[in-house]
Every structure is written in structure tokens, then in C-alpha cells.
Amino acid sequence: MRQDRPDPQTLSRLRSGLLVREARSIAGLTQAQLAEAVGTKQSVISRWERGLDEPRIGTLARLLRACGLEADVAFRRLDDVDRAQVRGTMRLSPEERLVQVEQLSELVTRARPVPARA
């Protein structure tokens, strides 16, 4: 029976070469086809799969997308700033949170570049 997603064992070990190989296999792609889809060479895909080199996280995400998969895991370090921000937000009342969201929305709107007129 053919799998439709990588083996959880592979994900837990975070061995990107195995993940690339398994995702490519699930997608039914050759190394050359995957390389073409992500704009690299077949030899680079081979090096990644054999563990001789590691793709960057962004490249790994592109490889997975090219295989019809999407990583839903965020790789980031938790720090005290993140936790302090969450605690602060949780202490706000619903009205205060709404004000905060409105202010952020206004800031984003002002930060967007104005399109040039022809």
C-alpha cells in the first residue's frame, strides 16, 4: 500500500535527507524531476538524500511543496520575550485586545507602499 505522507519516525528524527527521499518517493518523482521543480541539480538532491549535505529550512519547505506536502511545524527557539508577550496579551480584556488589533491594522496599512501612478 502506498503512503500519502512521511513516516512520523522520520519527522521525529529530523533527518532531512530521509525526509526528502521519502517525500520524493511519495510524490513519485525522480531526483532529476524534483531538482527541476525547485531549481537545483539532481546531484544536489542526491547529496541531501544521502546526508552529505543539508538543505536550508526554506529549501526544505520548497522541496516538500514540490512533492505535494507541507510542513506544519515551526522551527524556532522559544525565549522569554515570546512568553512575556503571550502573558501580556492574555492579561488584556477583550476590549483592550480589539484596540491592539485595530492599532496593528492601522500600522500595517500605513506601512504598505503606495503604488506608483502611470
PDB file of N, CA and C in Angstrom:
ATOM      1  N   MET A   1       0.835  -1.178   0.000  1.00  0.00           N
ATOM      2  CA  MET A   1       0.000   0.000   0.000  1.00  0.00           C
ATOM      3  C   MET A   1       0.886   1.251   0.000  1.00  0.00           C
ATOM      4  N   ARG A   2       0.584   2.200  -0.840  1.00  0.00           N
ATOM      5  CA  ARG A   2       1.381   3.421  -0.978  1.00  0.00           C
ATOM      6  C   ARG A   2       0.999   4.425   0.106  1.00  0.00           C
ATOM      7  N   GLN A   3       2.018   5.044   0.700  1.00  0.00           N
ATOM      8  CA  GLN A   3       1.784   6.057   1.718  1.00  0.00           C
ATOM      9  C   GLN A   3       1.399   7.381   1.081  1.00  0.00           C
ATOM     10  N   ASP A   4       0.722   8.219   1.855  1.00  0.00           N
ATOM     11  CA  ASP A   4       0.398   9.550   1.358  1.00  0.00           C
ATOM     12  C   ASP A   4       1.069  10.655   2.165  1.00  0.00           C
ATOM     13  N   ARG A   5       1.877  10.271   3.154  1.00  0.00           N
ATOM     14  CA  ARG A   5       2.641  11.253   3.940  1.00  0.00           C
ATOM     15  C   ARG A   5       3.851  10.581   4.554  1.00  0.00           C
ATOM     16  N   PRO A   6       4.854  11.377   4.939  1.00  0.00           N
ATOM     17  CA  PRO A   6       6.063  10.782   5.508  1.00  0.00           C
ATOM     18  C   PRO A   6       5.779  10.029   6.801  1.00  0.00           C
ATOM     19  N   ASP A   7       6.617   9.072   7.081  1.00  0.00           N
ATOM     20  CA  ASP A   7       6.555   8.287   8.300  1.00  0.00           C
ATOM     21  C   ASP A   7       6.844   9.191   9.504  1.00  0.00           C
ATOM     22  N   PRO A   8       5.999   9.158  10.549  1.00  0.00           N
ATOM     23  CA  PRO A   8       6.252  10.006  11.723  1.00  0.00           C
ATOM     24  C   PRO A   8       7.632   9.774  12.338  1.00  0.00           C
ATOM     25  N   GLN A   9       8.179   8.571  12.214  1.00  0.00           N
ATOM     26  CA  GLN A   9       9.519   8.296  12.727  1.00  0.00           C
ATOM     27  C   GLN A   9      10.539   9.217  12.048  1.00  0.00           C
ATOM     28  N   THR A  10      10.395   9.403  10.741  1.00  0.00           N
ATOM     29  CA  THR A  10      11.313  10.268  10.003  1.00  0.00           C
ATOM     30  C   THR A  10      11.222  11.691  10.525  1.00  0.00           C
ATOM     31  N   LEU A  11      10.004  12.185  10.732  1.00  0.00           N
ATOM     32  CA  LEU A  11       9.823  13.551  11.207  1.00  0.00           C
ATOM     33  C   LEU A  11      10.406  13.745  12.596  1.00  0.00           C
ATOM     34  N   SER A  12      10.240  12.751  13.462  1.00  0.00           N
ATOM     35  CA  SER A  12      10.727  12.901  14.828  1.00  0.00           C
ATOM     36  C   SER A  12      12.252  12.927  14.884  1.00  0.00           C
ATOM     37  N   ARG A  13      12.907  12.271  13.967  1.00  0.00           N
ATOM     38  CA  ARG A  13      14.374  12.267  13.955  1.00  0.00           C
ATOM     39  C   ARG A  13      14.953  13.470  13.250  1.00  0.00           C
ATOM     40  N   LEU A  14      14.126  14.176  12.482  1.00  0.00           N
ATOM     41  CA  LEU A  14      14.541  15.356  11.741  1.00  0.00           C
ATOM     42  C   LEU A  14      15.774  15.124  10.886  1.00  0.00           C
ATOM     43  N   ARG A  15      15.821  13.999  10.261  1.00  0.00           N
ATOM     44  CA  ARG A  15      16.910  13.727   9.316  1.00  0.00           C
ATOM     45  C   ARG A  15      16.399  14.155   7.954  1.00  0.00           C
ATOM     46  N   SER A  16      16.798  15.337   7.547  1.00  0.00           N
ATOM     47  CA  SER A  16      16.237  15.943   6.348  1.00  0.00           C
ATOM     48  C   SER A  16      16.462  15.103   5.100  1.00  0.00           C
ATOM     49  N   GLY A  17      17.583  14.402   5.008  1.00  0.00           N
ATOM     50  CA  GLY A  17      17.832  13.567   3.831  1.00  0.00           C
ATOM     51  C   GLY A  17      16.789  12.474   3.682  1.00  0.00           C
ATOM     52  N   LEU A  18      16.457  11.825   4.792  1.00  0.00           N
ATOM     53  CA  LEU A  18      15.413  10.794   4.749  1.00  0.00           C
ATOM     54  C   LEU A  18      14.059  11.400   4.421  1.00  0.00           C
ATOM     55  N   LEU A  19      13.788  12.583   4.971  1.00  0.00           N
ATOM     56  CA  LEU A  19      12.526  13.258   4.701  1.00  0.00           C
ATOM     57  C   LEU A  19      12.409  13.612   3.225  1.00  0.00           C
ATOM     58  N   VAL A  20      13.489  14.137   2.641  1.00  0.00           N
ATOM     59  CA  VAL A  20      13.473  14.485   1.211  1.00  0.00           C
ATOM     60  C   VAL A  20      13.239  13.233   0.373  1.00  0.00           C
ATOM     61  N   ARG A  21      13.974  12.169   0.674  1.00  0.00           N
ATOM     62  CA  ARG A  21      13.829  10.928  -0.085  1.00  0.00           C
ATOM     63  C   ARG A  21      12.407  10.377   0.023  1.00  0.00           C
ATOM     64  N   GLU A  22      11.874  10.365   1.234  1.00  0.00           N
ATOM     65  CA  GLU A  22      10.536   9.811   1.447  1.00  0.00           C
ATOM     66  C   GLU A  22       9.469  10.664   0.764  1.00  0.00           C
ATOM     67  N   ALA A  23       9.581  11.989   0.875  1.00  0.00           N
ATOM     68  CA  ALA A  23       8.615  12.884   0.231  1.00  0.00           C
ATOM     69  C   ALA A  23       8.664  12.717  -1.282  1.00  0.00           C
ATOM     70  N   ARG A  24       9.880  12.630  -1.823  1.00  0.00           N
ATOM     71  CA  ARG A  24      10.035  12.447  -3.279  1.00  0.00           C
ATOM     72  C   ARG A  24       9.431  11.133  -3.716  1.00  0.00           C
ATOM     73  N   SER A  25       9.650  10.089  -2.944  1.00  0.00           N
ATOM     74  CA  SER A  25       9.107   8.769  -3.257  1.00  0.00           C
ATOM     75  C   SER A  25       7.577   8.782  -3.230  1.00  0.00           C
ATOM     76  N   ILE A  26       7.015   9.422  -2.196  1.00  0.00           N
ATOM     77  CA  ILE A  26       5.555   9.520  -2.092  1.00  0.00           C
ATOM     78  C   ILE A  26       4.980  10.249  -3.296  1.00  0.00           C
ATOM     79  N   ALA A  27       5.684  11.289  -3.756  1.00  0.00           N
ATOM     80  CA  ALA A  27       5.226  12.076  -4.907  1.00  0.00           C
ATOM     81  C   ALA A  27       5.458  11.366  -6.231  1.00  0.00           C
ATOM     82  N   GLY A  28       6.264  10.291  -6.210  1.00  0.00           N
ATOM     83  CA  GLY A  28       6.555   9.568  -7.445  1.00  0.00           C
ATOM     84  C   GLY A  28       7.479  10.327  -8.378  1.00  0.00           C
ATOM     85  N   LEU A  29       8.372  11.129  -7.805  1.00  0.00           N
ATOM     86  CA  LEU A  29       9.292  11.927  -8.610  1.00  0.00           C
ATOM     87  C   LEU A  29      10.688  11.316  -8.594  1.00  0.00           C
ATOM     88  N   THR A  30      11.412  11.525  -9.665  1.00  0.00           N
ATOM     89  CA  THR A  30      12.827  11.166  -9.686  1.00  0.00           C
ATOM     90  C   THR A  30      13.603  12.323  -9.062  1.00  0.00           C
ATOM     91  N   GLN A  31      14.865  12.076  -8.746  1.00  0.00           N
ATOM     92  CA  GLN A  31      15.699  13.154  -8.232  1.00  0.00           C
ATOM     93  C   GLN A  31      15.796  14.291  -9.242  1.00  0.00           C
ATOM     94  N   ALA A  32      15.909  13.952 -10.509  1.00  0.00           N
ATOM     95  CA  ALA A  32      16.016  14.970 -11.554  1.00  0.00           C
ATOM     96  C   ALA A  32      14.735  15.808 -11.639  1.00  0.00           C
ATOM     97  N   GLN A  33      13.589  15.153 -11.532  1.00  0.00           N
ATOM     98  CA  GLN A  33      12.323  15.889 -11.597  1.00  0.00           C
ATOM     99  C   GLN A  33      12.169  16.831 -10.404  1.00  0.00           C
ATOM    100  N   LEU A  34      12.529  16.353  -9.212  1.00  0.00           N
ATOM    101  CA  LEU A  34      12.443  17.200  -8.027  1.00  0.00           C
ATOM    102  C   LEU A  34      13.424  18.360  -8.139  1.00  0.00           C
ATOM    103  N   ALA A  35      14.624  18.082  -8.612  1.00  0.00           N
ATOM    104  CA  ALA A  35      15.629  19.133  -8.785  1.00  0.00           C
ATOM    105  C   ALA A  35      15.115  20.218  -9.725  1.00  0.00           C
ATOM    106  N   GLU A  36      14.517  19.821 -10.822  1.00  0.00           N
ATOM    107  CA  GLU A  36      13.976  20.783 -11.781  1.00  0.00           C
ATOM    108  C   GLU A  36      12.854  21.610 -11.147  1.00  0.00           C
ATOM    109  N   ALA A  37      12.015  20.972 -10.339  1.00  0.00           N
ATOM    110  CA  ALA A  37      10.888  21.657  -9.710  1.00  0.00           C
ATOM    111  C   ALA A  37      11.335  22.732  -8.721  1.00  0.00           C
ATOM    112  N   VAL A  38      12.477  22.530  -8.083  1.00  0.00           N
ATOM    113  CA  VAL A  38      12.947  23.505  -7.087  1.00  0.00           C
ATOM    114  C   VAL A  38      14.122  24.337  -7.573  1.00  0.00           C
ATOM    115  N   GLY A  39      14.544  24.119  -8.808  1.00  0.00           N
ATOM    116  CA  GLY A  39      15.596  24.945  -9.395  1.00  0.00           C
ATOM    117  C   GLY A  39      17.000  24.612  -8.933  1.00  0.00           C
ATOM    118  N   THR A  40      17.285  23.323  -8.838  1.00  0.00           N
ATOM    119  CA  THR A  40      18.639  22.911  -8.485  1.00  0.00           C
ATOM    120  C   THR A  40      19.044  21.747  -9.370  1.00  0.00           C
ATOM    121  N   LYS A  41      20.129  21.072  -9.036  1.00  0.00           N
ATOM    122  CA  LYS A  41      20.620  19.957  -9.846  1.00  0.00           C
ATOM    123  C   LYS A  41      20.316  18.629  -9.170  1.00  0.00           C
ATOM    124  N   GLN A  42      20.233  17.588  -9.955  1.00  0.00           N
ATOM    125  CA  GLN A  42      19.977  16.244  -9.436  1.00  0.00           C
ATOM    126  C   GLN A  42      21.046  15.835  -8.439  1.00  0.00           C
ATOM    127  N   SER A  43      22.294  16.214  -8.688  1.00  0.00           N
ATOM    128  CA  SER A  43      23.387  15.833  -7.784  1.00  0.00           C
ATOM    129  C   SER A  43      23.210  16.463  -6.397  1.00  0.00           C
ATOM    130  N   VAL A  44      22.604  17.636  -6.340  1.00  0.00           N
ATOM    131  CA  VAL A  44      22.358  18.295  -5.050  1.00  0.00           C
ATOM    132  C   VAL A  44      21.293  17.516  -4.275  1.00  0.00           C
ATOM    133  N   ILE A  45      20.240  17.107  -4.977  1.00  0.00           N
ATOM    134  CA  ILE A  45      19.189  16.291  -4.339  1.00  0.00           C
ATOM    135  C   ILE A  45      19.807  15.002  -3.805  1.00  0.00           C
ATOM    136  N   SER A  46      20.659  14.386  -4.589  1.00  0.00           N
ATOM    137  CA  SER A  46      21.322  13.148  -4.180  1.00  0.00           C
ATOM    138  C   SER A  46      22.159  13.355  -2.923  1.00  0.00           C
ATOM    139  N   ARG A  47      22.905  14.463  -2.872  1.00  0.00           N
ATOM    140  CA  ARG A  47      23.734  14.752  -1.691  1.00  0.00           C
ATOM    141  C   ARG A  47      22.859  14.945  -0.451  1.00  0.00           C
ATOM    142  N   TRP A  48      21.732  15.626  -0.608  1.00  0.00           N
ATOM    143  CA  TRP A  48      20.828  15.820   0.525  1.00  0.00           C
ATOM    144  C   TRP A  48      20.273  14.480   1.006  1.00  0.00           C
ATOM    145  N   GLU A  49      19.822  13.668   0.061  1.00  0.00           N
ATOM    146  CA  GLU A  49      19.216  12.387   0.424  1.00  0.00           C
ATOM    147  C   GLU A  49      20.216  11.452   1.103  1.00  0.00           C
ATOM    148  N   ARG A  50      21.475  11.524   0.704  1.00  0.00           N
ATOM    149  CA  ARG A  50      22.496  10.655   1.303  1.00  0.00           C
ATOM    150  C   ARG A  50      23.063  11.230   2.596  1.00  0.00           C
ATOM    151  N   GLY A  51      22.607  12.423   2.991  1.00  0.00           N
ATOM    152  CA  GLY A  51      23.062  13.027   4.233  1.00  0.00           C
ATOM    153  C   GLY A  51      24.431  13.653   4.139  1.00  0.00           C
ATOM    154  N   LEU A  52      24.928  13.881   2.916  1.00  0.00           N
ATOM    155  CA  LEU A  52      26.239  14.504   2.739  1.00  0.00           C
ATOM    156  C   LEU A  52      26.171  16.016   2.874  1.00  0.00           C
ATOM    157  N   ASP A  53      24.970  16.553   2.749  1.00  0.00           N
ATOM    158  CA  ASP A  53      24.736  17.986   2.863  1.00  0.00           C
ATOM    159  C   ASP A  53      23.320  18.163   3.392  1.00  0.00           C
ATOM    160  N   GLU A  54      23.005  19.334   3.920  1.00  0.00           N
ATOM    161  CA  GLU A  54      21.681  19.605   4.480  1.00  0.00           C
ATOM    162  C   GLU A  54      21.055  20.794   3.755  1.00  0.00           C
ATOM    163  N   PRO A  55      19.805  20.666   3.322  1.00  0.00           N
ATOM    164  CA  PRO A  55      19.141  21.838   2.740  1.00  0.00           C
ATOM    165  C   PRO A  55      18.772  22.822   3.845  1.00  0.00           C
ATOM    166  N   ARG A  56      18.708  24.093   3.506  1.00  0.00           N
ATOM    167  CA  ARG A  56      18.232  25.100   4.451  1.00  0.00           C
ATOM    168  C   ARG A  56      16.746  24.852   4.698  1.00  0.00           C
ATOM    169  N   ILE A  57      16.234  25.389   5.791  1.00  0.00           N
ATOM    170  CA  ILE A  57      14.827  25.179   6.153  1.00  0.00           C
ATOM    171  C   ILE A  57      13.898  25.664   5.044  1.00  0.00           C
ATOM    172  N   GLY A  58      14.172  26.830   4.476  1.00  0.00           N
ATOM    173  CA  GLY A  58      13.332  27.352   3.397  1.00  0.00           C
ATOM    174  C   GLY A  58      13.354  26.447   2.180  1.00  0.00           C
ATOM    175  N   THR A  59      14.527  25.919   1.878  1.00  0.00           N
ATOM    176  CA  THR A  59      14.659  24.992   0.748  1.00  0.00           C
ATOM    177  C   THR A  59      13.922  23.697   1.041  1.00  0.00           C
ATOM    178  N   LEU A  60      14.023  23.219   2.269  1.00  0.00           N
ATOM    179  CA  LEU A  60      13.313  22.004   2.657  1.00  0.00           C
ATOM    180  C   LEU A  60      11.808  22.198   2.491  1.00  0.00           C
ATOM    181  N   ALA A  61      11.305  23.360   2.872  1.00  0.00           N
ATOM    182  CA  ALA A  61       9.872  23.646   2.695  1.00  0.00           C
ATOM    183  C   ALA A  61       9.505  23.638   1.215  1.00  0.00           C
ATOM    184  N   ARG A  62      10.366  24.218   0.340  1.00  0.00           N
ATOM    185  CA  ARG A  62      10.098  24.209  -1.110  1.00  0.00           C
ATOM    186  C   ARG A  62      10.115  22.791  -1.658  1.00  0.00           C
ATOM    187  N   LEU A  63      11.055  21.967  -1.161  1.00  0.00           N
ATOM    188  CA  LEU A  63      11.124  20.571  -1.603  1.00  0.00           C
ATOM    189  C   LEU A  63       9.835  19.837  -1.247  1.00  0.00           C
ATOM    190  N   LEU A  64       9.365  20.040  -0.029  1.00  0.00           N
ATOM    191  CA  LEU A  64       8.131  19.378   0.399  1.00  0.00           C
ATOM    192  C   LEU A  64       6.942  19.846  -0.431  1.00  0.00           C
ATOM    193  N   ARG A  65       6.863  21.162  -0.689  1.00  0.00           N
ATOM    194  CA  ARG A  65       5.758  21.684  -1.521  1.00  0.00           C
ATOM    195  C   ARG A  65       5.805  21.085  -2.918  1.00  0.00           C
ATOM    196  N   ALA A  66       7.001  20.951  -3.476  1.00  0.00           N
ATOM    197  CA  ALA A  66       7.138  20.367  -4.816  1.00  0.00           C
ATOM    198  C   ALA A  66       6.669  18.916  -4.836  1.00  0.00           C
ATOM    199  N   CYS A  67       6.697  18.273  -3.676  1.00  0.00           N
ATOM    200  CA  CYS A  67       6.234  16.882  -3.560  1.00  0.00           C
ATOM    201  C   CYS A  67       4.774  16.811  -3.146  1.00  0.00           C
ATOM    202  N   GLY A  68       4.106  17.954  -3.078  1.00  0.00           N
ATOM    203  CA  GLY A  68       2.698  17.973  -2.715  1.00  0.00           C
ATOM    204  C   GLY A  68       2.451  17.880  -1.224  1.00  0.00           C
ATOM    205  N   LEU A  69       3.468  18.190  -0.435  1.00  0.00           N
ATOM    206  CA  LEU A  69       3.350  18.137   1.022  1.00  0.00           C
ATOM    207  C   LEU A  69       3.624  19.515   1.601  1.00  0.00           C
ATOM    208  N   GLU A  70       3.231  19.692   2.837  1.00  0.00           N
ATOM    209  CA  GLU A  70       3.504  20.951   3.508  1.00  0.00           C
ATOM    210  C   GLU A  70       3.901  20.665   4.938  1.00  0.00           C
ATOM    211  N   ALA A  71       4.982  21.264   5.378  1.00  0.00           N
ATOM    212  CA  ALA A  71       5.411  21.103   6.770  1.00  0.00           C
ATOM    213  C   ALA A  71       4.594  22.055   7.627  1.00  0.00           C
ATOM    214  N   ASP A  72       3.986  21.535   8.668  1.00  0.00           N
ATOM    215  CA  ASP A  72       3.212  22.401   9.546  1.00  0.00           C
ATOM    216  C   ASP A  72       3.866  22.533  10.917  1.00  0.00           C
ATOM    217  N   VAL A  73       5.187  22.407  10.927  1.00  0.00           N
ATOM    218  CA  VAL A  73       5.960  22.537  12.146  1.00  0.00           C
ATOM    219  C   VAL A  73       6.801  23.800  12.023  1.00  0.00           C
ATOM    220  N   ALA A  74       6.769  24.625  13.055  1.00  0.00           N
ATOM    221  CA  ALA A  74       7.585  25.840  13.050  1.00  0.00           C
ATOM    222  C   ALA A  74       8.876  25.571  13.806  1.00  0.00           C
ATOM    223  N   PHE A  75       9.989  25.824  13.173  1.00  0.00           N
ATOM    224  CA  PHE A  75      11.283  25.655  13.806  1.00  0.00           C
ATOM    225  C   PHE A  75      11.749  27.011  14.306  1.00  0.00           C
ATOM    226  N   ARG A  76      11.598  27.222  15.595  1.00  0.00           N
ATOM    227  CA  ARG A  76      12.096  28.455  16.180  1.00  0.00           C
ATOM    228  C   ARG A  76      12.373  28.206  17.640  1.00  0.00           C
ATOM    229  N   ARG A  77      13.238  28.999  18.176  1.00  0.00           N
ATOM    230  CA  ARG A  77      13.606  28.878  19.579  1.00  0.00           C
ATOM    231  C   ARG A  77      12.636  29.694  20.424  1.00  0.00           C
ATOM    232  N   LEU A  78      12.089  29.099  21.456  1.00  0.00           N
ATOM    233  CA  LEU A  78      11.250  29.843  22.384  1.00  0.00           C
ATOM    234  C   LEU A  78      12.156  30.639  23.305  1.00  0.00           C
ATOM    235  N   ASP A  79      11.778  31.864  23.571  1.00  0.00           N
ATOM    236  CA  ASP A  79      12.562  32.652  24.510  1.00  0.00           C
ATOM    237  C   ASP A  79      11.625  33.407  25.448  1.00  0.00           C
ATOM    238  N   ASP A  80      12.196  34.094  26.407  1.00  0.00           N
ATOM    239  CA  ASP A  80      11.402  34.795  27.406  1.00  0.00           C
ATOM    240  C   ASP A  80      10.559  35.909  26.807  1.00  0.00           C
ATOM    241  N   VAL A  81      11.033  36.531  25.709  1.00  0.00           N
ATOM    242  CA  VAL A  81      10.268  37.602  25.083  1.00  0.00           C
ATOM    243  C   VAL A  81       8.948  37.053  24.558  1.00  0.00           C
ATOM    244  N   ASP A  82       8.973  35.921  23.877  1.00  0.00           N
ATOM    245  CA  ASP A  82       7.745  35.313  23.369  1.00  0.00           C
ATOM    246  C   ASP A  82       6.766  35.047  24.504  1.00  0.00           C
ATOM    247  N   ARG A  83       7.257  34.452  25.568  1.00  0.00           N
ATOM    248  CA  ARG A  83       6.395  34.099  26.694  1.00  0.00           C
ATOM    249  C   ARG A  83       5.849  35.338  27.383  1.00  0.00           C
ATOM    250  N   ALA A  84       6.668  36.382  27.520  1.00  0.00           N
ATOM    251  CA  ALA A  84       6.213  37.628  28.146  1.00  0.00           C
ATOM    252  C   ALA A  84       5.122  38.278  27.303  1.00  0.00           C
ATOM    253  N   GLN A  85       5.275  38.241  25.973  1.00  0.00           N
ATOM    254  CA  GLN A  85       4.259  38.816  25.092  1.00  0.00           C
ATOM    255  C   GLN A  85       2.947  38.053  25.211  1.00  0.00           C
ATOM    256  N   VAL A  86       3.024  36.741  25.268  1.00  0.00           N
ATOM    257  CA  VAL A  86       1.815  35.930  25.404  1.00  0.00           C
ATOM    258  C   VAL A  86       1.136  36.233  26.743  1.00  0.00           C
ATOM    259  N   ARG A  87       1.914  36.265  27.827  1.00  0.00           N
ATOM    260  CA  ARG A  87       1.329  36.564  29.137  1.00  0.00           C
ATOM    261  C   ARG A  87       0.674  37.937  29.140  1.00  0.00           C
ATOM    262  N   GLY A  88       1.334  38.927  28.544  1.00  0.00           N
ATOM    263  CA  GLY A  88       0.776  40.277  28.484  1.00  0.00           C
ATOM    264  C   GLY A  88      -0.520  40.324  27.703  1.00  0.00           C
ATOM    265  N   THR A  89      -0.561  39.646  26.585  1.00  0.00           N
ATOM    266  CA  THR A  89      -1.773  39.605  25.762  1.00  0.00           C
ATOM    267  C   THR A  89      -2.904  38.908  26.497  1.00  0.00           C
ATOM    268  N   MET A  90      -2.586  37.852  27.213  1.00  0.00           N
ATOM    269  CA  MET A  90      -3.621  37.105  27.934  1.00  0.00           C
ATOM    270  C   MET A  90      -4.222  37.928  29.077  1.00  0.00           C
ATOM    271  N   ARG A  91      -3.473  38.909  29.591  1.00  0.00           N
ATOM    272  CA  ARG A  91      -3.995  39.754  30.670  1.00  0.00           C
ATOM    273  C   ARG A  91      -4.930  40.845  30.158  1.00  0.00           C
ATOM    274  N   LEU A  92      -4.933  41.092  28.847  1.00  0.00           N
ATOM    275  CA  LEU A  92      -5.775  42.145  28.290  1.00  0.00           C
ATOM    276  C   LEU A  92      -7.245  41.724  28.290  1.00  0.00           C
ATOM    277  N   SER A  93      -8.109  42.708  28.447  1.00  0.00           N
ATOM    278  CA  SER A  93      -9.544  42.446  28.321  1.00  0.00           C
ATOM    279  C   SER A  93      -9.872  42.315  26.830  1.00  0.00           C
ATOM    280  N   PRO A  94     -11.031  41.765  26.485  1.00  0.00           N
ATOM    281  CA  PRO A  94     -11.401  41.688  25.064  1.00  0.00           C
ATOM    282  C   PRO A  94     -11.393  43.053  24.383  1.00  0.00           C
ATOM    283  N   GLU A  95     -11.826  44.083  25.097  1.00  0.00           N
ATOM    284  CA  GLU A  95     -11.851  45.431  24.519  1.00  0.00           C
ATOM    285  C   GLU A  95     -10.426  45.928  24.250  1.00  0.00           C
ATOM    286  N   GLU A  96      -9.525  45.662  25.192  1.00  0.00           N
ATOM    287  CA  GLU A  96      -8.130  46.068  25.013  1.00  0.00           C
ATOM    288  C   GLU A  96      -7.472  45.313  23.860  1.00  0.00           C
ATOM    289  N   ARG A  97      -7.810  44.044  23.710  1.00  0.00           N
ATOM    290  CA  ARG A  97      -7.265  43.264  22.584  1.00  0.00           C
ATOM    291  C   ARG A  97      -7.761  43.828  21.263  1.00  0.00           C
ATOM    292  N   LEU A  98      -9.049  44.219  21.217  1.00  0.00           N
ATOM    293  CA  LEU A  98      -9.605  44.795  19.996  1.00  0.00           C
ATOM    294  C   LEU A  98      -8.880  46.084  19.631  1.00  0.00           C
ATOM    295  N   VAL A  99      -8.624  46.928  20.611  1.00  0.00           N
ATOM    296  CA  VAL A  99      -7.877  48.172  20.364  1.00  0.00           C
ATOM    297  C   VAL A  99      -6.491  47.850  19.824  1.00  0.00           C
ATOM    298  N   GLN A 100      -5.832  46.849  20.422  1.00  0.00           N
ATOM    299  CA  GLN A 100      -4.487  46.451  19.980  1.00  0.00           C
ATOM    300  C   GLN A 100      -4.514  45.968  18.528  1.00  0.00           C
ATOM    301  N   VAL A 101      -5.505  45.170  18.162  1.00  0.00           N
ATOM    302  CA  VAL A 101      -5.625  44.668  16.787  1.00  0.00           C
ATOM    303  C   VAL A 101      -5.897  45.822  15.826  1.00  0.00           C
ATOM    304  N   GLU A 102      -6.762  46.749  16.208  1.00  0.00           N
ATOM    305  CA  GLU A 102      -7.060  47.902  15.349  1.00  0.00           C
ATOM    306  C   GLU A 102      -5.812  48.754  15.129  1.00  0.00           C
ATOM    307  N   GLN A 103      -5.025  48.956  16.191  1.00  0.00           N
ATOM    308  CA  GLN A 103      -3.799  49.738  16.061  1.00  0.00           C
ATOM    309  C   GLN A 103      -2.796  49.046  15.147  1.00  0.00           C
ATOM    310  N   LEU A 104      -2.677  47.740  15.276  1.00  0.00           N
ATOM    311  CA  LEU A 104      -1.768  46.984  14.415  1.00  0.00           C
ATOM    312  C   LEU A 104      -2.224  47.055  12.959  1.00  0.00           C
ATOM    313  N   SER A 105      -3.528  46.929  12.750  1.00  0.00           N
ATOM    314  CA  SER A 105      -4.068  47.000  11.395  1.00  0.00           C
ATOM    315  C   SER A 105      -3.780  48.358  10.768  1.00  0.00           C
ATOM    316  N   GLU A 106      -3.947  49.414  11.543  1.00  0.00           N
ATOM    317  CA  GLU A 106      -3.668  50.761  11.051  1.00  0.00           C
ATOM    318  C   GLU A 106      -2.183  50.925  10.720  1.00  0.00           C
ATOM    319  N   LEU A 107      -1.326  50.383  11.573  1.00  0.00           N
ATOM    320  CA  LEU A 107       0.118  50.448  11.341  1.00  0.00           C
ATOM    321  C   LEU A 107       0.502  49.725  10.053  1.00  0.00           C
ATOM    322  N   VAL A 108      -0.061  48.538   9.838  1.00  0.00           N
ATOM    323  CA  VAL A 108       0.231  47.773   8.624  1.00  0.00           C
ATOM    324  C   VAL A 108      -0.251  48.523   7.395  1.00  0.00           C
ATOM    325  N   THR A 109      -1.427  49.124   7.476  1.00  0.00           N
ATOM    326  CA  THR A 109      -1.975  49.888   6.351  1.00  0.00           C
ATOM    327  C   THR A 109      -1.057  51.053   6.000  1.00  0.00           C
ATOM    328  N   ARG A 110      -0.560  51.753   7.012  1.00  0.00           N
ATOM    329  CA  ARG A 110       0.331  52.891   6.752  1.00  0.00           C
ATOM    330  C   ARG A 110       1.693  52.452   6.236  1.00  0.00           C
ATOM    331  N   ALA A 111       2.117  51.262   6.581  1.00  0.00           N
ATOM    332  CA  ALA A 111       3.438  50.775   6.177  1.00  0.00           C
ATOM    333  C   ALA A 111       3.477  50.270   4.745  1.00  0.00           C
ATOM    334  N   ARG A 112       2.325  49.949   4.170  1.00  0.00           N
ATOM    335  CA  ARG A 112       2.295  49.462   2.792  1.00  0.00           C
ATOM    336  C   ARG A 112       2.701  50.562   1.830  1.00  0.00           C
ATOM    337  N   PRO A 113       3.535  50.239   0.842  1.00  0.00           N
ATOM    338  CA  PRO A 113       3.943  51.254  -0.132  1.00  0.00           C
ATOM    339  C   PRO A 113       2.760  51.663  -1.015  1.00  0.00           C
ATOM    340  N   VAL A 114       2.734  52.924  -1.347  1.00  0.00           N
ATOM    341  CA  VAL A 114       1.686  53.451  -2.233  1.00  0.00           C
ATOM    342  C   VAL A 114       2.107  53.123  -3.670  1.00  0.00           C
ATOM    343  N   PRO A 115       1.204  52.493  -4.464  1.00  0.00           N
ATOM    344  CA  PRO A 115       1.573  52.166  -5.849  1.00  0.00           C
ATOM    345  C   PRO A 115       1.834  53.436  -6.663  1.00  0.00           C
ATOM    346  N   ALA A 116       2.834  53.356  -7.538  1.00  0.00           N
ATOM    347  CA  ALA A 116       3.175  54.490  -8.410  1.00  0.00           C
ATOM    348  C   ALA A 116       2.098  54.659  -9.464  1.00  0.00           C
ATOM    349  N   ARG A 117       1.795  55.898  -9.772  1.00  0.00           N
ATOM    350  CA  ARG A 117       0.781  56.190 -10.813  1.00  0.00           C
ATOM    351  C   ARG A 117       1.467  56.283 -12.162  1.00  0.00           C
ATOM    352  N   ALA A 118       0.782  55.805 -13.163  1.00  0.00           N
ATOM    353  CA  ALA A 118       1.351  55.803 -14.510  1.00  0.00           C
ATOM    354  C   ALA A 118       1.212  57.139 -15.191  1.00  0.00           C
TER     355      ALA A 118
END
